[in-house]
PDB file of N, CA and C in Angstrom:
ATOM      1  N   MET A   1     -24.173  16.879   9.416  1.00  0.00           N
ATOM      2  CA  MET A   1     -24.371  15.252   8.263  1.00  0.00           C
ATOM      3  C   MET A   1     -22.643  14.539   8.624  1.00  0.00           C
ATOM      4  N   ASN A   2     -22.692  13.541   8.575  1.00  0.00           N
ATOM      5  CA  ASN A   2     -21.600  12.623   8.609  1.00  0.00           C
ATOM      6  C   ASN A   2     -20.970  11.972   7.464  1.00  0.00           C
ATOM      7  N   ARG A   3     -19.785  12.540   7.249  1.00  0.00           N
ATOM      8  CA  ARG A   3     -19.199  11.662   6.013  1.00  0.00           C
ATOM      9  C   ARG A   3     -18.684  11.404   6.202  1.00  0.00           C
ATOM     10  N   GLU A   4     -18.325   9.827   4.976  1.00  0.00           N
ATOM     11  CA  GLU A   4     -17.405   9.030   5.071  1.00  0.00           C
ATOM     12  C   GLU A   4     -16.373   8.921   4.477  1.00  0.00           C
ATOM     13  N   ASP A   5     -15.632   8.462   4.310  1.00  0.00           N
ATOM     14  CA  ASP A   5     -14.373   7.920   3.665  1.00  0.00           C
ATOM     15  C   ASP A   5     -14.177   7.318   2.740  1.00  0.00           C
ATOM     16  N   ALA A   6     -13.618   7.124   1.606  1.00  0.00           N
ATOM     17  CA  ALA A   6     -13.630   6.153   0.094  1.00  0.00           C
ATOM     18  C   ALA A   6     -13.811   4.703   0.808  1.00  0.00           C
ATOM     19  N   LYS A   7     -13.774   3.878   2.210  1.00  0.00           N
ATOM     20  CA  LYS A   7     -14.185   3.049   1.947  1.00  0.00           C
ATOM     21  C   LYS A   7     -15.767   2.868   3.033  1.00  0.00           C
ATOM     22  N   GLY A   8     -16.010   3.869   3.194  1.00  0.00           N
ATOM     23  CA  GLY A   8     -16.990   4.130   4.131  1.00  0.00           C
ATOM     24  C   GLY A   8     -17.095   3.903   5.173  1.00  0.00           C
ATOM     25  N   VAL A   9     -16.166   4.734   5.779  1.00  0.00           N
ATOM     26  CA  VAL A   9     -15.881   5.013   7.079  1.00  0.00           C
ATOM     27  C   VAL A   9     -16.424   6.265   7.686  1.00  0.00           C
ATOM     28  N   PRO A  10     -17.397   6.233   8.733  1.00  0.00           N
ATOM     29  CA  PRO A  10     -17.404   7.787   9.077  1.00  0.00           C
ATOM     30  C   PRO A  10     -16.488   8.587   9.050  1.00  0.00           C
ATOM     31  N   THR A  11     -15.788   9.490   8.902  1.00  0.00           N
ATOM     32  CA  THR A  11     -15.339  11.009   9.447  1.00  0.00           C
ATOM     33  C   THR A  11     -15.325  11.286  10.582  1.00  0.00           C
ATOM     34  N   ARG A  12     -16.651  11.456  11.282  1.00  0.00           N
ATOM     35  CA  ARG A  12     -16.531  11.465  12.627  1.00  0.00           C
ATOM     36  C   ARG A  12     -16.993  10.212  13.392  1.00  0.00           C
ATOM     37  N   LEU A  13     -16.645   9.648  14.706  1.00  0.00           N
ATOM     38  CA  LEU A  13     -17.216   8.594  15.225  1.00  0.00           C
ATOM     39  C   LEU A  13     -18.252   8.976  15.654  1.00  0.00           C
ATOM     40  N   PRO A  14     -19.655   8.024  16.167  1.00  0.00           N
ATOM     41  CA  PRO A  14     -20.344   7.993  16.422  1.00  0.00           C
ATOM     42  C   PRO A  14     -20.541   8.586  18.144  1.00  0.00           C
ATOM     43  N   ALA A  15     -21.284   8.779  18.842  1.00  0.00           N
ATOM     44  CA  ALA A  15     -21.128   8.938  19.914  1.00  0.00           C
ATOM     45  C   ALA A  15     -21.538   7.917  20.785  1.00  0.00           C
ATOM     46  N   TRP A  16     -20.519   7.484  21.294  1.00  0.00           N
ATOM     47  CA  TRP A  16     -21.319   6.134  22.464  1.00  0.00           C
ATOM     48  C   TRP A  16     -20.021   6.008  23.337  1.00  0.00           C
ATOM     49  N   GLY A  17     -20.274   5.705  24.857  1.00  0.00           N
ATOM     50  CA  GLY A  17     -19.538   5.756  25.542  1.00  0.00           C
ATOM     51  C   GLY A  17     -19.545   7.158  25.862  1.00  0.00           C
ATOM     52  N   ARG A  18     -18.581   7.371  27.376  1.00  0.00           N
ATOM     53  CA  ARG A  18     -18.033   8.810  27.216  1.00  0.00           C
ATOM     54  C   ARG A  18     -16.939   8.172  28.795  1.00  0.00           C
ATOM     55  N   VAL A  19     -15.876   9.710  29.032  1.00  0.00           N
ATOM     56  CA  VAL A  19     -15.285   9.628  30.428  1.00  0.00           C
ATOM     57  C   VAL A  19     -15.933  10.005  31.354  1.00  0.00           C
ATOM     58  N   ASN A  20     -15.686   9.281  32.769  1.00  0.00           N
ATOM     59  CA  ASN A  20     -16.388  10.108  33.986  1.00  0.00           C
ATOM     60  C   ASN A  20     -15.153  10.217  34.478  1.00  0.00           C
ATOM     61  N   PRO A  21     -14.635  11.122  35.431  1.00  0.00           N
ATOM     62  CA  PRO A  21     -14.286  11.173  36.747  1.00  0.00           C
ATOM     63  C   PRO A  21     -14.771  10.420  37.867  1.00  0.00           C
ATOM     64  N   VAL A  22     -14.013  10.155  38.419  1.00  0.00           N
ATOM     65  CA  VAL A  22     -14.202   9.132  39.559  1.00  0.00           C
ATOM     66  C   VAL A  22     -13.527   9.150  41.003  1.00  0.00           C
ATOM     67  N   ASP A  23     -13.956   9.109  41.906  1.00  0.00           N
ATOM     68  CA  ASP A  23     -13.183   9.021  43.271  1.00  0.00           C
ATOM     69  C   ASP A  23     -12.119   8.425  43.201  1.00  0.00           C
ATOM     70  N   GLY A  24     -11.019   8.696  43.573  1.00  0.00           N
ATOM     71  CA  GLY A  24     -10.016   7.261  44.044  1.00  0.00           C
ATOM     72  C   GLY A  24      -9.202   6.750  42.372  1.00  0.00           C
ATOM     73  N   VAL A  25      -8.377   6.097  43.018  1.00  0.00           N
ATOM     74  CA  VAL A  25      -7.662   4.983  41.512  1.00  0.00           C
ATOM     75  C   VAL A  25      -8.769   4.731  40.717  1.00  0.00           C
ATOM     76  N   PRO A  26      -8.741   4.565  39.165  1.00  0.00           N
ATOM     77  CA  PRO A  26      -7.654   5.465  38.406  1.00  0.00           C
ATOM     78  C   PRO A  26      -8.165   6.964  38.161  1.00  0.00           C
ATOM     79  N   PHE A  27      -8.767   7.517  38.808  1.00  0.00           N
ATOM     80  CA  PHE A  27      -9.428   8.795  38.866  1.00  0.00           C
ATOM     81  C   PHE A  27     -10.561   9.629  37.933  1.00  0.00           C
ATOM     82  N   TRP A  28     -10.595   8.011  36.325  1.00  0.00           N
ATOM     83  CA  TRP A  28     -11.052   8.251  35.402  1.00  0.00           C
ATOM     84  C   TRP A  28     -11.959   6.814  34.715  1.00  0.00           C
ATOM     85  N   SER A  29     -12.469   6.725  34.543  1.00  0.00           N
ATOM     86  CA  SER A  29     -13.496   5.050  33.753  1.00  0.00           C
ATOM     87  C   SER A  29     -14.013   6.232  32.634  1.00  0.00           C
ATOM     88  N   LEU A  30     -13.961   4.988  31.519  1.00  0.00           N
ATOM     89  CA  LEU A  30     -14.958   4.788  30.483  1.00  0.00           C
ATOM     90  C   LEU A  30     -16.070   3.755  30.633  1.00  0.00           C
ATOM     91  N   VAL A  31     -17.129   4.903  30.264  1.00  0.00           N
ATOM     92  CA  VAL A  31     -18.621   3.797  30.773  1.00  0.00           C
ATOM     93  C   VAL A  31     -19.185   3.789  29.464  1.00  0.00           C
ATOM     94  N   GLY A  32     -19.943   2.435  28.554  1.00  0.00           N
ATOM     95  CA  GLY A  32     -20.923   2.654  27.840  1.00  0.00           C
ATOM     96  C   GLY A  32     -21.648   3.426  27.566  1.00  0.00           C
ATOM     97  N   PRO A  33     -23.000   2.937  27.008  1.00  0.00           N
ATOM     98  CA  PRO A  33     -23.856   3.854  26.784  1.00  0.00           C
ATOM     99  C   PRO A  33     -24.906   3.174  28.169  1.00  0.00           C
ATOM    100  N   ASP A  34     -24.693   2.337  28.437  1.00  0.00           N
ATOM    101  CA  ASP A  34     -25.099   1.541  29.763  1.00  0.00           C
ATOM    102  C   ASP A  34     -24.593   2.130  30.955  1.00  0.00           C
ATOM    103  N   ASP A  35     -23.779   3.169  30.909  1.00  0.00           N
ATOM    104  CA  ASP A  35     -23.655   3.633  31.983  1.00  0.00           C
ATOM    105  C   ASP A  35     -22.461   2.538  32.600  1.00  0.00           C
ATOM    106  N   ARG A  36     -22.527   1.459  32.265  1.00  0.00           N
ATOM    107  CA  ARG A  36     -21.237   0.382  33.185  1.00  0.00           C
ATOM    108  C   ARG A  36     -20.269   0.904  32.239  1.00  0.00           C
ATOM    109  N   GLU A  37     -19.144   0.174  33.382  1.00  0.00           N
ATOM    110  CA  GLU A  37     -18.132   0.527  33.070  1.00  0.00           C
ATOM    111  C   GLU A  37     -17.131  -0.481  32.214  1.00  0.00           C
ATOM    112  N   ILE A  38     -16.370  -0.169  31.285  1.00  0.00           N
ATOM    113  CA  ILE A  38     -16.059  -1.179  30.128  1.00  0.00           C
ATOM    114  C   ILE A  38     -15.081  -1.700  31.375  1.00  0.00           C
ATOM    115  N   GLU A  39     -14.518  -2.432  31.649  1.00  0.00           N
ATOM    116  CA  GLU A  39     -13.641  -2.762  32.654  1.00  0.00           C
ATOM    117  C   GLU A  39     -12.470  -3.820  32.235  1.00  0.00           C
ATOM    118  N   PRO A  40     -11.933  -3.560  30.310  1.00  0.00           N
ATOM    119  CA  PRO A  40      -9.889  -4.239  30.370  1.00  0.00           C
ATOM    120  C   PRO A  40      -9.813  -2.606  30.487  1.00  0.00           C
ATOM    121  N   VAL A  41     -10.698  -1.193  30.098  1.00  0.00           N
ATOM    122  CA  VAL A  41     -10.324  -0.213  30.400  1.00  0.00           C
ATOM    123  C   VAL A  41      -9.663   0.370  31.482  1.00  0.00           C
ATOM    124  N   GLY A  42     -10.310   0.306  32.371  1.00  0.00           N
ATOM    125  CA  GLY A  42     -10.784   0.607  34.117  1.00  0.00           C
ATOM    126  C   GLY A  42      -9.294  -0.534  34.440  1.00  0.00           C
ATOM    127  N   GLU A  43      -9.289  -1.734  34.039  1.00  0.00           N
ATOM    128  CA  GLU A  43      -7.684  -2.308  34.814  1.00  0.00           C
ATOM    129  C   GLU A  43      -6.782  -1.701  33.975  1.00  0.00           C
ATOM    130  N   PHE A  44      -6.591  -1.036  32.784  1.00  0.00           N
ATOM    131  CA  PHE A  44      -5.487  -0.194  31.987  1.00  0.00           C
ATOM    132  C   PHE A  44      -5.133   0.756  32.764  1.00  0.00           C
ATOM    133  N   LEU A  45      -6.310   1.988  32.955  1.00  0.00           N
ATOM    134  CA  LEU A  45      -5.890   2.749  33.307  1.00  0.00           C
ATOM    135  C   LEU A  45      -5.409   2.670  35.139  1.00  0.00           C
ATOM    136  N   LYS A  46      -5.630   1.635  35.475  1.00  0.00           N
ATOM    137  CA  LYS A  46      -5.079   1.110  36.834  1.00  0.00           C
ATOM    138  C   LYS A  46      -3.798   0.725  36.978  1.00  0.00           C
ATOM    139  N   GLU A  47      -3.621   0.172  36.185  1.00  0.00           N
ATOM    140  CA  GLU A  47      -1.980   0.134  36.033  1.00  0.00           C
ATOM    141  C   GLU A  47      -1.369   1.084  35.401  1.00  0.00           C
ATOM    142  N   LEU A  48      -1.644   1.938  34.650  1.00  0.00           N
ATOM    143  CA  LEU A  48      -1.247   3.074  34.869  1.00  0.00           C
ATOM    144  C   LEU A  48      -1.208   3.852  35.613  1.00  0.00           C
ATOM    145  N   VAL A  49      -1.779   4.069  36.646  1.00  0.00           N
ATOM    146  CA  VAL A  49      -1.245   4.472  38.029  1.00  0.00           C
ATOM    147  C   VAL A  49      -0.656   4.255  38.676  1.00  0.00           C
ATOM    148  N   THR A  50      -0.100   2.531  38.431  1.00  0.00           N
ATOM    149  CA  THR A  50       0.213   2.180  39.619  1.00  0.00           C
ATOM    150  C   THR A  50       2.099   2.472  39.145  1.00  0.00           C
ATOM    151  N   ARG A  51       1.789   2.301  37.932  1.00  0.00           N
ATOM    152  CA  ARG A  51       3.607   2.696  36.848  1.00  0.00           C
ATOM    153  C   ARG A  51       3.644   4.414  37.761  1.00  0.00           C
ATOM    154  N   GLY A  52       3.102   4.790  37.775  1.00  0.00           N
ATOM    155  CA  GLY A  52       3.305   6.514  38.510  1.00  0.00           C
ATOM    156  C   GLY A  52       2.405   7.447  37.999  1.00  0.00           C
ATOM    157  N   HIS A  53       1.871   7.341  36.484  1.00  0.00           N
ATOM    158  CA  HIS A  53       1.012   8.517  36.243  1.00  0.00           C
ATOM    159  C   HIS A  53       0.205   9.618  36.668  1.00  0.00           C
ATOM    160  N   ARG A  54      -0.064  10.688  36.083  1.00  0.00           N
ATOM    161  CA  ARG A  54      -0.979  11.466  36.960  1.00  0.00           C
ATOM    162  C   ARG A  54      -2.001  11.187  35.898  1.00  0.00           C
ATOM    163  N   ALA A  55      -2.714  11.730  36.839  1.00  0.00           N
ATOM    164  CA  ALA A  55      -4.299  11.637  36.836  1.00  0.00           C
ATOM    165  C   ALA A  55      -4.495  12.420  35.122  1.00  0.00           C
ATOM    166  N   GLY A  56      -3.787  13.370  34.983  1.00  0.00           N
ATOM    167  CA  GLY A  56      -3.736  14.489  33.480  1.00  0.00           C
ATOM    168  C   GLY A  56      -3.660  13.018  32.557  1.00  0.00           C
ATOM    169  N   THR A  57      -2.458  12.183  32.602  1.00  0.00           N
ATOM    170  CA  THR A  57      -2.623  11.726  31.782  1.00  0.00           C
ATOM    171  C   THR A  57      -3.122  10.418  31.574  1.00  0.00           C
ATOM    172  N   VAL A  58      -3.762   9.889  32.781  1.00  0.00           N
ATOM    173  CA  VAL A  58      -4.812   8.968  32.774  1.00  0.00           C
ATOM    174  C   VAL A  58      -5.868   9.494  31.847  1.00  0.00           C
ATOM    175  N   ARG A  59      -6.462  10.583  32.506  1.00  0.00           N
ATOM    176  CA  ARG A  59      -7.180  11.268  31.901  1.00  0.00           C
ATOM    177  C   ARG A  59      -7.344  10.710  29.844  1.00  0.00           C
ATOM    178  N   SER A  60      -5.571  11.373  29.480  1.00  0.00           N
ATOM    179  CA  SER A  60      -5.671  11.413  27.895  1.00  0.00           C
ATOM    180  C   SER A  60      -5.627  10.217  27.683  1.00  0.00           C
ATOM    181  N   TYR A  61      -5.653   9.359  28.221  1.00  0.00           N
ATOM    182  CA  TYR A  61      -5.598   7.244  27.969  1.00  0.00           C
ATOM    183  C   TYR A  61      -6.896   7.103  28.086  1.00  0.00           C
ATOM    184  N   ALA A  62      -7.408   7.817  28.671  1.00  0.00           N
ATOM    185  CA  ALA A  62      -9.594   6.896  29.161  1.00  0.00           C
ATOM    186  C   ALA A  62      -9.946   7.743  27.403  1.00  0.00           C
ATOM    187  N   TYR A  63      -9.156   9.258  27.413  1.00  0.00           N
ATOM    188  CA  TYR A  63     -10.386   9.193  25.811  1.00  0.00           C
ATOM    189  C   TYR A  63      -9.758   8.833  24.862  1.00  0.00           C
ATOM    190  N   ASP A  64      -8.473   8.737  24.483  1.00  0.00           N
ATOM    191  CA  ASP A  64      -7.978   8.262  23.858  1.00  0.00           C
ATOM    192  C   ASP A  64      -8.834   6.634  23.568  1.00  0.00           C
ATOM    193  N   LEU A  65      -8.212   5.839  24.582  1.00  0.00           N
ATOM    194  CA  LEU A  65      -9.249   4.965  24.825  1.00  0.00           C
ATOM    195  C   LEU A  65     -10.778   4.826  24.478  1.00  0.00           C
ATOM    196  N   LEU A  66     -11.364   6.114  24.497  1.00  0.00           N
ATOM    197  CA  LEU A  66     -12.665   5.996  23.995  1.00  0.00           C
ATOM    198  C   LEU A  66     -12.763   6.139  22.712  1.00  0.00           C
ATOM    199  N   ARG A  67     -11.654   7.091  21.728  1.00  0.00           N
ATOM    200  CA  ARG A  67     -11.874   6.913  20.489  1.00  0.00           C
ATOM    201  C   ARG A  67     -11.622   5.960  19.533  1.00  0.00           C
ATOM    202  N   TRP A  68     -10.636   4.754  20.074  1.00  0.00           N
ATOM    203  CA  TRP A  68     -10.703   3.202  20.009  1.00  0.00           C
ATOM    204  C   TRP A  68     -11.821   2.211  20.283  1.00  0.00           C
ATOM    205  N   TRP A  69     -12.359   2.240  21.546  1.00  0.00           N
ATOM    206  CA  TRP A  69     -13.733   1.666  21.211  1.00  0.00           C
ATOM    207  C   TRP A  69     -14.675   2.423  20.471  1.00  0.00           C
ATOM    208  N   ARG A  70     -14.427   3.688  20.164  1.00  0.00           N
ATOM    209  CA  ARG A  70     -15.991   3.903  19.227  1.00  0.00           C
ATOM    210  C   ARG A  70     -15.839   3.553  17.748  1.00  0.00           C
ATOM    211  N   TRP A  71     -13.907   3.850  17.815  1.00  0.00           N
ATOM    212  CA  TRP A  71     -13.458   3.356  16.317  1.00  0.00           C
ATOM    213  C   TRP A  71     -14.362   1.476  15.915  1.00  0.00           C
ATOM    214  N   LEU A  72     -13.476   0.794  16.878  1.00  0.00           N
ATOM    215  CA  LEU A  72     -14.510  -0.386  17.564  1.00  0.00           C
ATOM    216  C   LEU A  72     -15.343  -1.077  17.121  1.00  0.00           C
ATOM    217  N   ARG A  73     -16.281   0.376  17.353  1.00  0.00           N
ATOM    218  CA  ARG A  73     -18.399  -0.096  16.918  1.00  0.00           C
ATOM    219  C   ARG A  73     -18.220   0.100  15.911  1.00  0.00           C
ATOM    220  N   VAL A  74     -17.653   0.726  15.184  1.00  0.00           N
ATOM    221  CA  VAL A  74     -17.910   1.738  13.705  1.00  0.00           C
ATOM    222  C   VAL A  74     -17.761  -0.231  12.623  1.00  0.00           C
ATOM    223  N   ILE A  75     -16.154  -0.025  13.374  1.00  0.00           N
ATOM    224  CA  ILE A  75     -15.904  -1.591  12.358  1.00  0.00           C
ATOM    225  C   ILE A  75     -16.221  -2.840  12.787  1.00  0.00           C
ATOM    226  N   ASP A  76     -17.235  -2.674  14.062  1.00  0.00           N
ATOM    227  CA  ASP A  76     -17.827  -3.780  14.009  1.00  0.00           C
ATOM    228  C   ASP A  76     -16.951  -5.335  14.898  1.00  0.00           C
ATOM    229  N   ARG A  77     -15.915  -4.817  15.629  1.00  0.00           N
ATOM    230  CA  ARG A  77     -15.045  -5.985  16.701  1.00  0.00           C
ATOM    231  C   ARG A  77     -14.637  -5.798  17.852  1.00  0.00           C
ATOM    232  N   PRO A  78     -15.058  -6.772  17.746  1.00  0.00           N
ATOM    233  CA  PRO A  78     -14.896  -7.035  19.881  1.00  0.00           C
ATOM    234  C   PRO A  78     -13.827  -6.315  20.077  1.00  0.00           C
ATOM    235  N   TRP A  79     -13.387  -6.141  21.226  1.00  0.00           N
ATOM    236  CA  TRP A  79     -12.212  -5.280  21.588  1.00  0.00           C
ATOM    237  C   TRP A  79     -11.113  -6.946  21.856  1.00  0.00           C
ATOM    238  N   ASN A  80     -11.421  -7.674  22.105  1.00  0.00           N
ATOM    239  CA  ASN A  80     -10.722  -8.368  22.614  1.00  0.00           C
ATOM    240  C   ASN A  80     -10.185  -9.572  20.662  1.00  0.00           C
ATOM    241  N   ARG A  81     -11.185  -9.010  19.837  1.00  0.00           N
ATOM    242  CA  ARG A  81     -10.673  -9.407  18.448  1.00  0.00           C
ATOM    243  C   ARG A  81      -9.875  -8.768  17.466  1.00  0.00           C
ATOM    244  N   ALA A  82      -9.780  -7.412  18.079  1.00  0.00           N
ATOM    245  CA  ALA A  82      -9.209  -6.706  16.974  1.00  0.00           C
ATOM    246  C   ALA A  82      -7.660  -7.105  16.726  1.00  0.00           C
ATOM    247  N   THR A  83      -7.417  -6.331  15.672  1.00  0.00           N
ATOM    248  CA  THR A  83      -5.882  -6.955  15.125  1.00  0.00           C
ATOM    249  C   THR A  83      -4.768  -6.145  15.469  1.00  0.00           C
ATOM    250  N   GLN A  84      -3.645  -6.047  14.499  1.00  0.00           N
ATOM    251  CA  GLN A  84      -2.844  -5.198  14.038  1.00  0.00           C
ATOM    252  C   GLN A  84      -3.457  -4.200  12.920  1.00  0.00           C
ATOM    253  N   GLU A  85      -3.856  -4.875  11.961  1.00  0.00           N
ATOM    254  CA  GLU A  85      -4.499  -4.360  10.890  1.00  0.00           C
ATOM    255  C   GLU A  85      -5.522  -3.143  11.036  1.00  0.00           C
ATOM    256  N   ASP A  86      -6.214  -3.761  12.472  1.00  0.00           N
ATOM    257  CA  ASP A  86      -7.789  -3.035  12.513  1.00  0.00           C
ATOM    258  C   ASP A  86      -6.880  -1.248  13.759  1.00  0.00           C
ATOM    259  N   LEU A  87      -5.801  -1.578  13.803  1.00  0.00           N
ATOM    260  CA  LEU A  87      -4.925  -0.354  14.491  1.00  0.00           C
ATOM    261  C   LEU A  87      -4.316   0.277  13.628  1.00  0.00           C
ATOM    262  N   ARG A  88      -4.064  -0.317  12.145  1.00  0.00           N
ATOM    263  CA  ARG A  88      -2.955   0.335  11.494  1.00  0.00           C
ATOM    264  C   ARG A  88      -4.251   1.084  10.610  1.00  0.00           C
ATOM    265  N   GLU A  89      -5.645   0.984  10.764  1.00  0.00           N
ATOM    266  CA  GLU A  89      -6.508   1.234   9.998  1.00  0.00           C
ATOM    267  C   GLU A  89      -7.140   2.367  10.744  1.00  0.00           C
ATOM    268  N   PHE A  90      -7.051   2.350  12.383  1.00  0.00           N
ATOM    269  CA  PHE A  90      -7.399   3.271  13.293  1.00  0.00           C
ATOM    270  C   PHE A  90      -6.458   4.239  13.224  1.00  0.00           C
ATOM    271  N   VAL A  91      -5.100   4.102  13.317  1.00  0.00           N
ATOM    272  CA  VAL A  91      -4.115   5.262  12.974  1.00  0.00           C
ATOM    273  C   VAL A  91      -4.300   5.915  11.443  1.00  0.00           C
ATOM    274  N   LEU A  92      -4.311   5.299  10.460  1.00  0.00           N
ATOM    275  CA  LEU A  92      -4.955   6.140   9.801  1.00  0.00           C
ATOM    276  C   LEU A  92      -5.878   6.781   9.199  1.00  0.00           C
ATOM    277  N   TRP A  93      -7.135   6.418  10.067  1.00  0.00           N
ATOM    278  CA  TRP A  93      -8.141   6.847   9.891  1.00  0.00           C
ATOM    279  C   TRP A  93      -7.795   8.450  10.710  1.00  0.00           C
ATOM    280  N   LEU A  94      -7.015   8.129  12.217  1.00  0.00           N
ATOM    281  CA  LEU A  94      -7.098   9.221  13.082  1.00  0.00           C
ATOM    282  C   LEU A  94      -6.477  10.822  12.321  1.00  0.00           C
ATOM    283  N   SER A  95      -5.286  10.705  11.355  1.00  0.00           N
ATOM    284  CA  SER A  95      -4.434  11.078  10.492  1.00  0.00           C
ATOM    285  C   SER A  95      -5.469  11.612   9.335  1.00  0.00           C
ATOM    286  N   ASP A  96      -6.228  11.269   8.408  1.00  0.00           N
ATOM    287  CA  ASP A  96      -7.316  11.740   7.561  1.00  0.00           C
ATOM    288  C   ASP A  96      -8.633  12.213   8.537  1.00  0.00           C
ATOM    289  N   ALA A  97      -9.197  12.068   9.884  1.00  0.00           N
ATOM    290  CA  ALA A  97     -10.357  12.710  10.524  1.00  0.00           C
ATOM    291  C   ALA A  97     -10.602  13.767  10.436  1.00  0.00           C
ATOM    292  N   ILE A  98     -11.630  14.228  10.468  1.00  0.00           N
ATOM    293  CA  ILE A  98     -11.725  15.579  11.089  1.00  0.00           C
ATOM    294  C   ILE A  98     -11.901  16.452  12.621  1.00  0.00           C
ATOM    295  N   LYS A  99     -10.821  17.411  12.172  1.00  0.00           N
ATOM    296  CA  LYS A  99     -10.204  17.446  14.038  1.00  0.00           C
ATOM    297  C   LYS A  99     -11.366  18.667  13.980  1.00  0.00           C
ATOM    298  N   PRO A 100     -11.342  19.123  15.428  1.00  0.00           N
ATOM    299  CA  PRO A 100     -12.281  20.313  15.885  1.00  0.00           C
ATOM    300  C   PRO A 100     -11.088  20.978  15.620  1.00  0.00           C
ATOM    301  N   GLU A 101     -11.650  21.919  15.816  1.00  0.00           N
ATOM    302  CA  GLU A 101     -10.916  23.500  15.574  1.00  0.00           C
ATOM    303  C   GLU A 101     -11.043  23.818  16.793  1.00  0.00           C
ATOM    304  N   SER A 102     -10.129  24.737  17.179  1.00  0.00           N
ATOM    305  CA  SER A 102      -9.345  25.070  17.974  1.00  0.00           C
ATOM    306  C   SER A 102      -9.660  26.185  18.010  1.00  0.00           C
ATOM    307  N   GLY A 103      -9.643  27.097  19.204  1.00  0.00           N
ATOM    308  CA  GLY A 103      -9.414  28.571  18.967  1.00  0.00           C
ATOM    309  C   GLY A 103      -8.614  29.609  18.308  1.00  0.00           C
ATOM    310  N   ARG A 104      -8.807  30.605  17.909  1.00  0.00           N
ATOM    311  CA  ARG A 104      -7.448  31.011  16.703  1.00  0.00           C
ATOM    312  C   ARG A 104      -6.313  31.423  17.934  1.00  0.00           C
ATOM    313  N   ARG A 105      -5.303  31.388  17.633  1.00  0.00           N
ATOM    314  CA  ARG A 105      -4.238  31.548  18.430  1.00  0.00           C
ATOM    315  C   ARG A 105      -3.779  33.300  18.332  1.00  0.00           C
ATOM    316  N   THR A 106      -3.638  34.213  18.705  1.00  0.00           N
ATOM    317  CA  THR A 106      -2.737  35.499  18.346  1.00  0.00           C
ATOM    318  C   THR A 106      -1.738  35.628  18.836  1.00  0.00           C
ATOM    319  N   VAL A 107      -0.715  36.043  17.530  1.00  0.00           N
ATOM    320  CA  VAL A 107       0.257  36.207  18.058  1.00  0.00           C
ATOM    321  C   VAL A 107       0.763  37.172  17.568  1.00  0.00           C
ATOM    322  N   CYS A 108       1.534  37.743  18.893  1.00  0.00           N
ATOM    323  CA  CYS A 108       2.012  39.171  19.476  1.00  0.00           C
ATOM    324  C   CYS A 108       3.254  39.844  18.916  1.00  0.00           C
ATOM    325  N   VAL A 109       3.603  39.915  17.809  1.00  0.00           N
ATOM    326  CA  VAL A 109       5.172  40.710  17.498  1.00  0.00           C
ATOM    327  C   VAL A 109       5.700  42.248  17.932  1.00  0.00           C
ATOM    328  N   LEU A 110       6.236  42.339  18.753  1.00  0.00           N
ATOM    329  CA  LEU A 110       7.069  43.564  18.617  1.00  0.00           C
ATOM    330  C   LEU A 110       8.376  43.998  17.856  1.00  0.00           C
ATOM    331  N   ALA A 111       7.999  44.739  16.745  1.00  0.00           N
ATOM    332  CA  ALA A 111       8.791  45.177  16.065  1.00  0.00           C
ATOM    333  C   ALA A 111       9.568  46.215  16.735  1.00  0.00           C
ATOM    334  N   GLY A 112      10.748  46.825  16.497  1.00  0.00           N
ATOM    335  CA  GLY A 112      11.249  47.502  16.640  1.00  0.00           C
ATOM    336  C   GLY A 112      11.964  48.402  15.579  1.00  0.00           C
ATOM    337  N   PRO A 113      12.418  49.822  15.714  1.00  0.00           N
ATOM    338  CA  PRO A 113      12.863  50.194  14.249  1.00  0.00           C
ATOM    339  C   PRO A 113      14.286  48.983  14.049  1.00  0.00           C
ATOM    340  N   ARG A 114      14.926  48.918  12.713  1.00  0.00           N
ATOM    341  CA  ARG A 114      15.378  48.590  11.922  1.00  0.00           C
ATOM    342  C   ARG A 114      16.659  49.222  11.938  1.00  0.00           C
TER     343      ARG A 114
END
């Protein structure tokens, strides 16, 4: 079940597109549901590589941009028409969105005599 916030925005973004590994630069690509690369994202990821960022960093940016692209789909805004207000709302949404649960961490405490 997909909950919505007070403004009617889903607390979980719909599945749309994906990040794929690619051979060579930029190591990762963002593709839409039609399996075509999202060119503006590809150009940005290539720019990251030319500035010396590693593959892991490029991957992180690719996933962040996938989330942003999904957000734009929810608010029905073309990427080249996004506003600062859209970005602000996205950042606020991120702080309230459901986060996937990570595995529980085990803390080991060695206590000696006091």
